[in-house]
């Protein structure tokens, strides 16, 4: 947890650069910090904090997200606890849209990520789904609220986010041939390359791509601003993209030319 905000007198003592340097330090410590929390902490308006974040983003000192600022790193992901609260409304609307494109009585792969977890929550009113997942959170959500047949892959559990990874995970996924694969991603490059931070996570997602008849990519708009280190696939290899706002024009044109469907959630 962040410490208590300073008093108004203490807040007034911060110069603009001192405040911005403190914001950068908080992002480094926590992975993500929200606009309202920062405004309260420094005793300034949310408009002031938004200007701070925009300028810091322009300088490359942090990444600007809707609702706050986060790490600009290409080698380390934002902490799971921070990702859980980032763009919650957007993820819920994306999830509802995906659920409308998933019929009853089908088989599904679902991988690691907070957006795929939102999709799991949106699927609880479906009937007779068979779900194979390497995400313990997805399995927990569905097992609490449905009588779906749920299979968790083998592998090693990543404690920070409930992901199951490793050779056993990849081998088990490859034994199935399912109707729909639902995958999240950490970043999307300007040429449509899907990017992530973890090699084992990429191997699992690639195996899902090869073994699903259709693949749905679920992502919020902030992923178009992130550039993780490792390549997973091309956005043109998925059947459909579900997002909360239109991608950059070049990507929209790429999707249209490749025949990949684009679905934009109404917020």
C-alpha atoms as a PDB file:
ATOM      1  CA  UNK A   1       0.000   0.000   0.000  1.00  0.00           C
ATOM      2  CA  UNK A   2       1.069   3.578  -0.617  1.00  0.00           C
ATOM      3  CA  UNK A   3       1.796   5.741   2.408  1.00  0.00           C
ATOM      4  CA  UNK A   4      -0.609   8.447   3.534  1.00  0.00           C
ATOM      5  CA  UNK A   5      -0.717  11.635   1.435  1.00  0.00           C
ATOM      6  CA  UNK A   6       1.207  14.635   2.657  1.00  0.00           C
ATOM      7  CA  UNK A   7      -0.510  17.611   4.211  1.00  0.00           C
ATOM      8  CA  UNK A   8      -1.518  20.604   2.070  1.00  0.00           C
ATOM      9  CA  UNK A   9       1.465  22.553   3.405  1.00  0.00           C
ATOM     10  CA  UNK A  10       3.830  19.731   2.483  1.00  0.00           C
ATOM     11  CA  UNK A  11       2.220  19.423  -0.959  1.00  0.00           C
ATOM     12  CA  UNK A  12       2.795  23.119  -1.618  1.00  0.00           C
ATOM     13  CA  UNK A  13       6.499  22.583  -0.961  1.00  0.00           C
ATOM     14  CA  UNK A  14       6.835  20.353  -4.048  1.00  0.00           C
ATOM     15  CA  UNK A  15       8.067  22.012  -7.200  1.00  0.00           C
ATOM     16  CA  UNK A  16       6.666  20.679 -10.474  1.00  0.00           C
ATOM     17  CA  UNK A  17       9.848  18.719 -11.197  1.00  0.00           C
ATOM     18  CA  UNK A  18      10.018  17.355  -7.631  1.00  0.00           C
ATOM     19  CA  UNK A  19       6.423  16.173  -7.892  1.00  0.00           C
ATOM     20  CA  UNK A  20       7.054  14.558 -11.250  1.00  0.00           C
ATOM     21  CA  UNK A  21      10.193  12.842  -9.998  1.00  0.00           C
ATOM     22  CA  UNK A  22       8.181  11.498  -7.053  1.00  0.00           C
ATOM     23  CA  UNK A  23       5.518  10.214  -9.454  1.00  0.00           C
ATOM     24  CA  UNK A  24       8.163   8.359 -11.470  1.00  0.00           C
ATOM     25  CA  UNK A  25       9.535   6.797  -8.274  1.00  0.00           C
ATOM     26  CA  UNK A  26       6.040   5.654  -7.256  1.00  0.00           C
ATOM     27  CA  UNK A  27       5.534   4.037 -10.661  1.00  0.00           C
ATOM     28  CA  UNK A  28       8.840   2.203 -10.303  1.00  0.00           C
ATOM     29  CA  UNK A  29       7.812   0.952  -6.863  1.00  0.00           C
ATOM     30  CA  UNK A  30       4.245  -0.095  -7.648  1.00  0.00           C
ATOM     31  CA  UNK A  31       4.122  -0.695 -11.393  1.00  0.00           C
ATOM     32  CA  UNK A  32       1.007   1.463 -11.810  1.00  0.00           C
ATOM     33  CA  UNK A  33      -0.417   4.497 -10.002  1.00  0.00           C
ATOM     34  CA  UNK A  34      -3.831   6.076 -10.485  1.00  0.00           C
ATOM     35  CA  UNK A  35      -4.638   9.709 -11.258  1.00  0.00           C
ATOM     36  CA  UNK A  36      -6.974  10.244  -8.297  1.00  0.00           C
ATOM     37  CA  UNK A  37      -4.562   8.666  -5.832  1.00  0.00           C
ATOM     38  CA  UNK A  38      -1.751  10.915  -7.068  1.00  0.00           C
ATOM     39  CA  UNK A  39      -3.931  14.016  -6.887  1.00  0.00           C
ATOM     40  CA  UNK A  40      -4.815  13.207  -3.289  1.00  0.00           C
ATOM     41  CA  UNK A  41      -1.246  12.343  -2.378  1.00  0.00           C
ATOM     42  CA  UNK A  42       0.233  15.596  -3.706  1.00  0.00           C
ATOM     43  CA  UNK A  43      -2.711  17.880  -2.898  1.00  0.00           C
ATOM     44  CA  UNK A  44      -3.249  18.980  -6.507  1.00  0.00           C
ATOM     45  CA  UNK A  45      -6.055  18.633  -9.031  1.00  0.00           C
ATOM     46  CA  UNK A  46      -6.540  15.587 -11.254  1.00  0.00           C
ATOM     47  CA  UNK A  47      -6.012  17.923 -14.240  1.00  0.00           C
ATOM     48  CA  UNK A  48      -2.553  18.791 -12.896  1.00  0.00           C
ATOM     49  CA  UNK A  49      -1.699  15.110 -12.492  1.00  0.00           C
ATOM     50  CA  UNK A  50      -2.922  14.350 -16.008  1.00  0.00           C
ATOM     51  CA  UNK A  51      -0.595  17.056 -17.356  1.00  0.00           C
ATOM     52  CA  UNK A  52       2.251  15.597 -15.305  1.00  0.00           C
ATOM     53  CA  UNK A  53       1.611  12.102 -16.672  1.00  0.00           C
ATOM     54  CA  UNK A  54       1.274  13.306 -20.253  1.00  0.00           C
ATOM     55  CA  UNK A  55       4.554  15.219 -20.060  1.00  0.00           C
ATOM     56  CA  UNK A  56       6.361  12.343 -18.324  1.00  0.00           C
ATOM     57  CA  UNK A  57       5.075   9.962 -20.982  1.00  0.00           C
ATOM     58  CA  UNK A  58       6.292  12.299 -23.716  1.00  0.00           C
ATOM     59  CA  UNK A  59       9.719  12.269 -22.083  1.00  0.00           C
ATOM     60  CA  UNK A  60       9.685   8.453 -21.990  1.00  0.00           C
ATOM     61  CA  UNK A  61       9.899   8.331 -18.195  1.00  0.00           C
ATOM     62  CA  UNK A  62       6.659   6.365 -17.795  1.00  0.00           C
ATOM     63  CA  UNK A  63       3.813   4.988 -19.912  1.00  0.00           C
ATOM     64  CA  UNK A  64       0.479   6.843 -19.910  1.00  0.00           C
ATOM     65  CA  UNK A  65      -2.594   4.697 -19.417  1.00  0.00           C
ATOM     66  CA  UNK A  66      -6.225   5.634 -19.019  1.00  0.00           C
ATOM     67  CA  UNK A  67      -6.597   6.290 -15.302  1.00  0.00           C
ATOM     68  CA  UNK A  68      -2.924   6.589 -14.431  1.00  0.00           C
ATOM     69  CA  UNK A  69       0.691   5.881 -15.315  1.00  0.00           C
ATOM     70  CA  UNK A  70       2.767   2.709 -15.447  1.00  0.00           C
ATOM     71  CA  UNK A  71       6.095   1.228 -16.354  1.00  0.00           C
ATOM     72  CA  UNK A  72       7.387   1.837 -19.889  1.00  0.00           C
ATOM     73  CA  UNK A  73       9.586  -1.255 -19.709  1.00  0.00           C
ATOM     74  CA  UNK A  74      10.018  -3.686 -22.609  1.00  0.00           C
ATOM     75  CA  UNK A  75      11.379  -6.382 -20.300  1.00  0.00           C
ATOM     76  CA  UNK A  76       9.126  -6.355 -17.208  1.00  0.00           C
ATOM     77  CA  UNK A  77       5.344  -6.470 -17.042  1.00  0.00           C
ATOM     78  CA  UNK A  78       3.213  -4.383 -14.703  1.00  0.00           C
ATOM     79  CA  UNK A  79       2.418  -6.223 -11.457  1.00  0.00           C
ATOM     80  CA  UNK A  80      -0.666  -8.428 -11.597  1.00  0.00           C
ATOM     81  CA  UNK A  81      -2.350  -6.533  -8.744  1.00  0.00           C
ATOM     82  CA  UNK A  82      -2.009  -3.284 -10.717  1.00  0.00           C
ATOM     83  CA  UNK A  83      -3.206  -4.889 -13.963  1.00  0.00           C
ATOM     84  CA  UNK A  84      -6.315  -6.123 -12.170  1.00  0.00           C
ATOM     85  CA  UNK A  85      -7.524  -2.566 -11.586  1.00  0.00           C
ATOM     86  CA  UNK A  86      -6.327  -1.026 -14.848  1.00  0.00           C
ATOM     87  CA  UNK A  87      -9.082  -0.322 -17.389  1.00  0.00           C
ATOM     88  CA  UNK A  88     -11.612  -2.480 -15.539  1.00  0.00           C
ATOM     89  CA  UNK A  89     -14.642  -0.982 -17.271  1.00  0.00           C
ATOM     90  CA  UNK A  90     -13.036  -1.405 -20.681  1.00  0.00           C
ATOM     91  CA  UNK A  91     -12.130  -5.027 -19.985  1.00  0.00           C
ATOM     92  CA  UNK A  92     -15.663  -5.800 -18.793  1.00  0.00           C
ATOM     93  CA  UNK A  93     -17.164  -4.333 -21.965  1.00  0.00           C
ATOM     94  CA  UNK A  94     -14.703  -6.249 -24.143  1.00  0.00           C
ATOM     95  CA  UNK A  95     -15.610  -9.413 -22.237  1.00  0.00           C
ATOM     96  CA  UNK A  96     -19.343  -8.904 -22.769  1.00  0.00           C
ATOM     97  CA  UNK A  97     -18.744  -8.439 -26.482  1.00  0.00           C
ATOM     98  CA  UNK A  98     -16.655 -11.607 -26.691  1.00  0.00           C
ATOM     99  CA  UNK A  99     -19.327 -13.559 -24.816  1.00  0.00           C
ATOM    100  CA  UNK A 100     -21.854 -12.640 -27.512  1.00  0.00           C
ATOM    101  CA  UNK A 101     -19.584 -14.297 -30.078  1.00  0.00           C
ATOM    102  CA  UNK A 102     -19.199 -17.535 -28.110  1.00  0.00           C
ATOM    103  CA  UNK A 103     -22.087 -19.966 -28.630  1.00  0.00           C
ATOM    104  CA  UNK A 104     -23.199 -22.595 -26.140  1.00  0.00           C
ATOM    105  CA  UNK A 105     -21.932 -26.184 -26.421  1.00  0.00           C
ATOM    106  CA  UNK A 106     -18.401 -25.395 -27.658  1.00  0.00           C
ATOM    107  CA  UNK A 107     -14.840 -26.047 -26.475  1.00  0.00           C
ATOM    108  CA  UNK A 108     -12.533 -23.163 -25.540  1.00  0.00           C
ATOM    109  CA  UNK A 109      -8.893 -22.507 -24.737  1.00  0.00           C
ATOM    110  CA  UNK A 110      -8.270 -19.533 -22.397  1.00  0.00           C
ATOM    111  CA  UNK A 111      -4.791 -18.281 -21.526  1.00  0.00           C
ATOM    112  CA  UNK A 112      -3.220 -16.018 -18.923  1.00  0.00           C
ATOM    113  CA  UNK A 113      -4.308 -12.405 -18.434  1.00  0.00           C
ATOM    114  CA  UNK A 114      -6.720 -10.111 -16.652  1.00  0.00           C
ATOM    115  CA  UNK A 115      -8.776  -9.562 -19.822  1.00  0.00           C
ATOM    116  CA  UNK A 116      -9.258 -13.295 -20.332  1.00  0.00           C
ATOM    117  CA  UNK A 117     -10.325 -13.468 -16.690  1.00  0.00           C
ATOM    118  CA  UNK A 118     -12.958 -10.810 -17.432  1.00  0.00           C
ATOM    119  CA  UNK A 119     -14.128 -12.948 -20.357  1.00  0.00           C
ATOM    120  CA  UNK A 120     -14.440 -15.955 -18.039  1.00  0.00           C
ATOM    121  CA  UNK A 121     -16.729 -13.917 -15.775  1.00  0.00           C
ATOM    122  CA  UNK A 122     -18.831 -12.918 -18.800  1.00  0.00           C
ATOM    123  CA  UNK A 123     -19.298 -16.555 -19.841  1.00  0.00           C
ATOM    124  CA  UNK A 124     -20.897 -17.829 -16.648  1.00  0.00           C
ATOM    125  CA  UNK A 125     -24.424 -17.771 -18.102  1.00  0.00           C
ATOM    126  CA  UNK A 126     -23.475 -19.940 -21.091  1.00  0.00           C
ATOM    127  CA  UNK A 127     -24.440 -23.591 -21.293  1.00  0.00           C
ATOM    128  CA  UNK A 128     -22.324 -26.703 -21.668  1.00  0.00           C
ATOM    129  CA  UNK A 129     -18.881 -25.249 -22.328  1.00  0.00           C
ATOM    130  CA  UNK A 130     -15.668 -27.290 -22.199  1.00  0.00           C
ATOM    131  CA  UNK A 131     -12.809 -25.035 -21.084  1.00  0.00           C
ATOM    132  CA  UNK A 132      -9.099 -25.839 -21.152  1.00  0.00           C
ATOM    133  CA  UNK A 133      -6.959 -23.220 -19.452  1.00  0.00           C
ATOM    134  CA  UNK A 134      -3.500 -22.534 -18.066  1.00  0.00           C
ATOM    135  CA  UNK A 135      -4.937 -19.769 -15.872  1.00  0.00           C
ATOM    136  CA  UNK A 136      -5.923 -20.789 -12.333  1.00  0.00           C
ATOM    137  CA  UNK A 137      -7.992 -17.605 -11.960  1.00  0.00           C
ATOM    138  CA  UNK A 138     -10.085 -18.484 -15.016  1.00  0.00           C
ATOM    139  CA  UNK A 139     -10.632 -21.981 -13.633  1.00  0.00           C
ATOM    140  CA  UNK A 140     -11.642 -20.571 -10.227  1.00  0.00           C
ATOM    141  CA  UNK A 141     -14.101 -18.061 -11.687  1.00  0.00           C
ATOM    142  CA  UNK A 142     -15.816 -20.679 -13.832  1.00  0.00           C
ATOM    143  CA  UNK A 143     -15.802 -23.478 -11.252  1.00  0.00           C
ATOM    144  CA  UNK A 144     -17.525 -21.265  -8.674  1.00  0.00           C
ATOM    145  CA  UNK A 145     -20.368 -20.216 -10.949  1.00  0.00           C
ATOM    146  CA  UNK A 146     -20.895 -22.949 -13.563  1.00  0.00           C
ATOM    147  CA  UNK A 147     -21.008 -26.680 -14.139  1.00  0.00           C
ATOM    148  CA  UNK A 148     -18.725 -26.436 -17.186  1.00  0.00           C
ATOM    149  CA  UNK A 149     -16.168 -29.162 -17.717  1.00  0.00           C
ATOM    150  CA  UNK A 150     -12.900 -27.396 -16.859  1.00  0.00           C
ATOM    151  CA  UNK A 151      -9.422 -28.760 -17.523  1.00  0.00           C
ATOM    152  CA  UNK A 152      -6.290 -27.150 -16.087  1.00  0.00           C
ATOM    153  CA  UNK A 153      -3.075 -27.850 -17.937  1.00  0.00           C
ATOM    154  CA  UNK A 154      -0.069 -29.391 -16.269  1.00  0.00           C
ATOM    155  CA  UNK A 155       2.996 -27.313 -15.550  1.00  0.00           C
ATOM    156  CA  UNK A 156       4.485 -24.991 -12.949  1.00  0.00           C
ATOM    157  CA  UNK A 157       2.262 -22.398 -11.251  1.00  0.00           C
ATOM    158  CA  UNK A 158       3.471 -18.803 -11.443  1.00  0.00           C
ATOM    159  CA  UNK A 159       2.569 -17.541  -7.993  1.00  0.00           C
ATOM    160  CA  UNK A 160       2.158 -13.863  -8.844  1.00  0.00           C
ATOM    161  CA  UNK A 161      -0.775 -14.340 -11.241  1.00  0.00           C
ATOM    162  CA  UNK A 162      -1.922 -17.974 -11.219  1.00  0.00           C
ATOM    163  CA  UNK A 163      -0.467 -18.782 -14.633  1.00  0.00           C
ATOM    164  CA  UNK A 164       0.492 -22.393 -15.360  1.00  0.00           C
ATOM    165  CA  UNK A 165       3.514 -22.673 -17.653  1.00  0.00           C
ATOM    166  CA  UNK A 166       6.299 -24.899 -18.889  1.00  0.00           C
ATOM    167  CA  UNK A 167       6.770 -27.879 -21.240  1.00  0.00           C
ATOM    168  CA  UNK A 168       3.990 -29.907 -19.616  1.00  0.00           C
ATOM    169  CA  UNK A 169       1.553 -27.042 -20.250  1.00  0.00           C
ATOM    170  CA  UNK A 170       2.484 -26.806 -23.933  1.00  0.00           C
ATOM    171  CA  UNK A 171       2.344 -30.573 -24.368  1.00  0.00           C
ATOM    172  CA  UNK A 172      -1.124 -30.803 -22.808  1.00  0.00           C
ATOM    173  CA  UNK A 173      -2.560 -27.948 -24.887  1.00  0.00           C
ATOM    174  CA  UNK A 174      -1.264 -29.651 -28.034  1.00  0.00           C
ATOM    175  CA  UNK A 175      -3.349 -32.743 -27.252  1.00  0.00           C
ATOM    176  CA  UNK A 176      -6.606 -30.823 -27.790  1.00  0.00           C
ATOM    177  CA  UNK A 177      -8.303 -29.412 -30.864  1.00  0.00           C
ATOM    178  CA  UNK A 178     -10.896 -26.872 -29.729  1.00  0.00           C
ATOM    179  CA  UNK A 179     -13.473 -24.591 -31.324  1.00  0.00           C
ATOM    180  CA  UNK A 180     -12.282 -21.216 -29.969  1.00  0.00           C
ATOM    181  CA  UNK A 181      -9.038 -19.985 -28.428  1.00  0.00           C
ATOM    182  CA  UNK A 182      -9.328 -16.805 -26.344  1.00  0.00           C
ATOM    183  CA  UNK A 183      -5.969 -15.169 -25.739  1.00  0.00           C
ATOM    184  CA  UNK A 184      -4.661 -11.970 -24.216  1.00  0.00           C
ATOM    185  CA  UNK A 185      -1.393 -10.216 -25.026  1.00  0.00           C
ATOM    186  CA  UNK A 186       0.922  -7.691 -23.341  1.00  0.00           C
ATOM    187  CA  UNK A 187       1.696  -5.490 -26.326  1.00  0.00           C
ATOM    188  CA  UNK A 188       1.079  -4.964 -30.041  1.00  0.00           C
ATOM    189  CA  UNK A 189       3.717  -3.373 -32.265  1.00  0.00           C
ATOM    190  CA  UNK A 190       2.860  -0.922 -35.021  1.00  0.00           C
ATOM    191  CA  UNK A 191       3.327  -3.624 -37.683  1.00  0.00           C
ATOM    192  CA  UNK A 192       0.861  -5.970 -35.952  1.00  0.00           C
ATOM    193  CA  UNK A 193       3.400  -8.131 -34.118  1.00  0.00           C
ATOM    194  CA  UNK A 194       1.944  -9.539 -30.897  1.00  0.00           C
ATOM    195  CA  UNK A 195       4.459  -9.171 -28.063  1.00  0.00           C
ATOM    196  CA  UNK A 196       4.864 -10.489 -24.541  1.00  0.00           C
ATOM    197  CA  UNK A 197       7.363 -10.628 -21.696  1.00  0.00           C
ATOM    198  CA  UNK A 198       7.644 -14.338 -20.869  1.00  0.00           C
ATOM    199  CA  UNK A 199       8.969 -17.025 -23.227  1.00  0.00           C
ATOM    200  CA  UNK A 200       6.980 -19.839 -21.607  1.00  0.00           C
ATOM    201  CA  UNK A 201       3.787 -17.788 -21.781  1.00  0.00           C
ATOM    202  CA  UNK A 202       4.421 -17.159 -25.477  1.00  0.00           C
ATOM    203  CA  UNK A 203       4.960 -20.872 -26.144  1.00  0.00           C
ATOM    204  CA  UNK A 204       1.598 -21.666 -24.549  1.00  0.00           C
ATOM    205  CA  UNK A 205      -0.202 -18.958 -26.555  1.00  0.00           C
ATOM    206  CA  UNK A 206       1.426 -20.108 -29.803  1.00  0.00           C
ATOM    207  CA  UNK A 207       0.226 -23.649 -29.116  1.00  0.00           C
ATOM    208  CA  UNK A 208      -3.299 -22.353 -28.569  1.00  0.00           C
ATOM    209  CA  UNK A 209      -3.098 -20.569 -31.929  1.00  0.00           C
ATOM    210  CA  UNK A 210      -2.130 -23.802 -33.674  1.00  0.00           C
ATOM    211  CA  UNK A 211      -4.813 -25.906 -32.022  1.00  0.00           C
ATOM    212  CA  UNK A 212      -7.934 -23.718 -32.098  1.00  0.00           C
ATOM    213  CA  UNK A 213     -10.255 -23.549 -35.093  1.00  0.00           C
ATOM    214  CA  UNK A 214     -10.827 -19.848 -34.334  1.00  0.00           C
ATOM    215  CA  UNK A 215      -8.760 -17.554 -32.153  1.00  0.00           C
ATOM    216  CA  UNK A 216     -10.065 -14.400 -30.481  1.00  0.00           C
ATOM    217  CA  UNK A 217      -7.514 -11.816 -29.322  1.00  0.00           C
ATOM    218  CA  UNK A 218      -8.842  -9.757 -26.391  1.00  0.00           C
ATOM    219  CA  UNK A 219      -6.993  -6.537 -25.605  1.00  0.00           C
ATOM    220  CA  UNK A 220      -7.604  -3.037 -24.326  1.00  0.00           C
ATOM    221  CA  UNK A 221      -6.275   0.014 -26.160  1.00  0.00           C
ATOM    222  CA  UNK A 222      -3.224   0.472 -23.912  1.00  0.00           C
ATOM    223  CA  UNK A 223      -1.577  -2.597 -25.463  1.00  0.00           C
ATOM    224  CA  UNK A 224      -1.084  -0.612 -28.678  1.00  0.00           C
ATOM    225  CA  UNK A 225       1.306   1.628 -26.703  1.00  0.00           C
ATOM    226  CA  UNK A 226       3.431  -1.154 -25.192  1.00  0.00           C
ATOM    227  CA  UNK A 227       6.488  -2.851 -26.690  1.00  0.00           C
ATOM    228  CA  UNK A 228       7.483  -6.010 -24.765  1.00  0.00           C
ATOM    229  CA  UNK A 229      10.622  -7.807 -25.848  1.00  0.00           C
ATOM    230  CA  UNK A 230       9.397 -11.152 -27.198  1.00  0.00           C
ATOM    231  CA  UNK A 231       7.423 -11.963 -30.356  1.00  0.00           C
ATOM    232  CA  UNK A 232       4.410 -14.271 -30.112  1.00  0.00           C
ATOM    233  CA  UNK A 233       2.738 -14.040 -33.546  1.00  0.00           C
ATOM    234  CA  UNK A 234       1.192 -11.564 -35.980  1.00  0.00           C
ATOM    235  CA  UNK A 235      -2.182 -10.019 -35.321  1.00  0.00           C
ATOM    236  CA  UNK A 236      -3.194 -11.292 -38.777  1.00  0.00           C
ATOM    237  CA  UNK A 237      -2.945 -14.888 -37.475  1.00  0.00           C
ATOM    238  CA  UNK A 238      -5.973 -14.506 -35.195  1.00  0.00           C
ATOM    239  CA  UNK A 239      -9.557 -14.807 -36.399  1.00  0.00           C
ATOM    240  CA  UNK A 240     -10.869 -11.737 -34.602  1.00  0.00           C
ATOM    241  CA  UNK A 241      -9.681  -8.868 -32.403  1.00  0.00           C
ATOM    242  CA  UNK A 242     -11.853  -7.536 -29.580  1.00  0.00           C
ATOM    243  CA  UNK A 243     -10.840  -4.122 -28.235  1.00  0.00           C
ATOM    244  CA  UNK A 244     -12.366  -1.111 -26.468  1.00  0.00           C
ATOM    245  CA  UNK A 245     -11.457   1.476 -29.125  1.00  0.00           C
ATOM    246  CA  UNK A 246     -10.244   1.505 -32.700  1.00  0.00           C
ATOM    247  CA  UNK A 247      -6.575   0.547 -33.197  1.00  0.00           C
ATOM    248  CA  UNK A 248      -4.194   2.916 -34.979  1.00  0.00           C
ATOM    249  CA  UNK A 249      -5.117   3.378 -38.638  1.00  0.00           C
ATOM    250  CA  UNK A 250      -2.267   1.234 -40.006  1.00  0.00           C
ATOM    251  CA  UNK A 251      -3.348  -1.701 -37.856  1.00  0.00           C
ATOM    252  CA  UNK A 252      -7.001  -1.269 -38.794  1.00  0.00           C
ATOM    253  CA  UNK A 253      -6.018  -1.401 -42.455  1.00  0.00           C
ATOM    254  CA  UNK A 254      -3.825  -4.459 -41.828  1.00  0.00           C
ATOM    255  CA  UNK A 255      -6.708  -6.298 -40.179  1.00  0.00           C
ATOM    256  CA  UNK A 256      -9.044  -5.445 -43.049  1.00  0.00           C
ATOM    257  CA  UNK A 257      -6.571  -6.639 -45.689  1.00  0.00           C
ATOM    258  CA  UNK A 258      -5.886  -9.907 -43.865  1.00  0.00           C
ATOM    259  CA  UNK A 259      -9.549 -10.739 -43.250  1.00  0.00           C
ATOM    260  CA  UNK A 260      -9.187 -10.580 -39.457  1.00  0.00           C
ATOM    261  CA  UNK A 261     -12.426  -9.350 -37.893  1.00  0.00           C
ATOM    262  CA  UNK A 262     -12.326  -6.248 -35.693  1.00  0.00           C
ATOM    263  CA  UNK A 263     -14.920  -5.857 -32.922  1.00  0.00           C
ATOM    264  CA  UNK A 264     -14.964  -2.645 -30.859  1.00  0.00           C
ATOM    265  CA  UNK A 265     -16.831  -2.618 -27.552  1.00  0.00           C
ATOM    266  CA  UNK A 266     -19.333   0.148 -26.812  1.00  0.00           C
ATOM    267  CA  UNK A 267     -18.337   2.033 -23.660  1.00  0.00           C
END
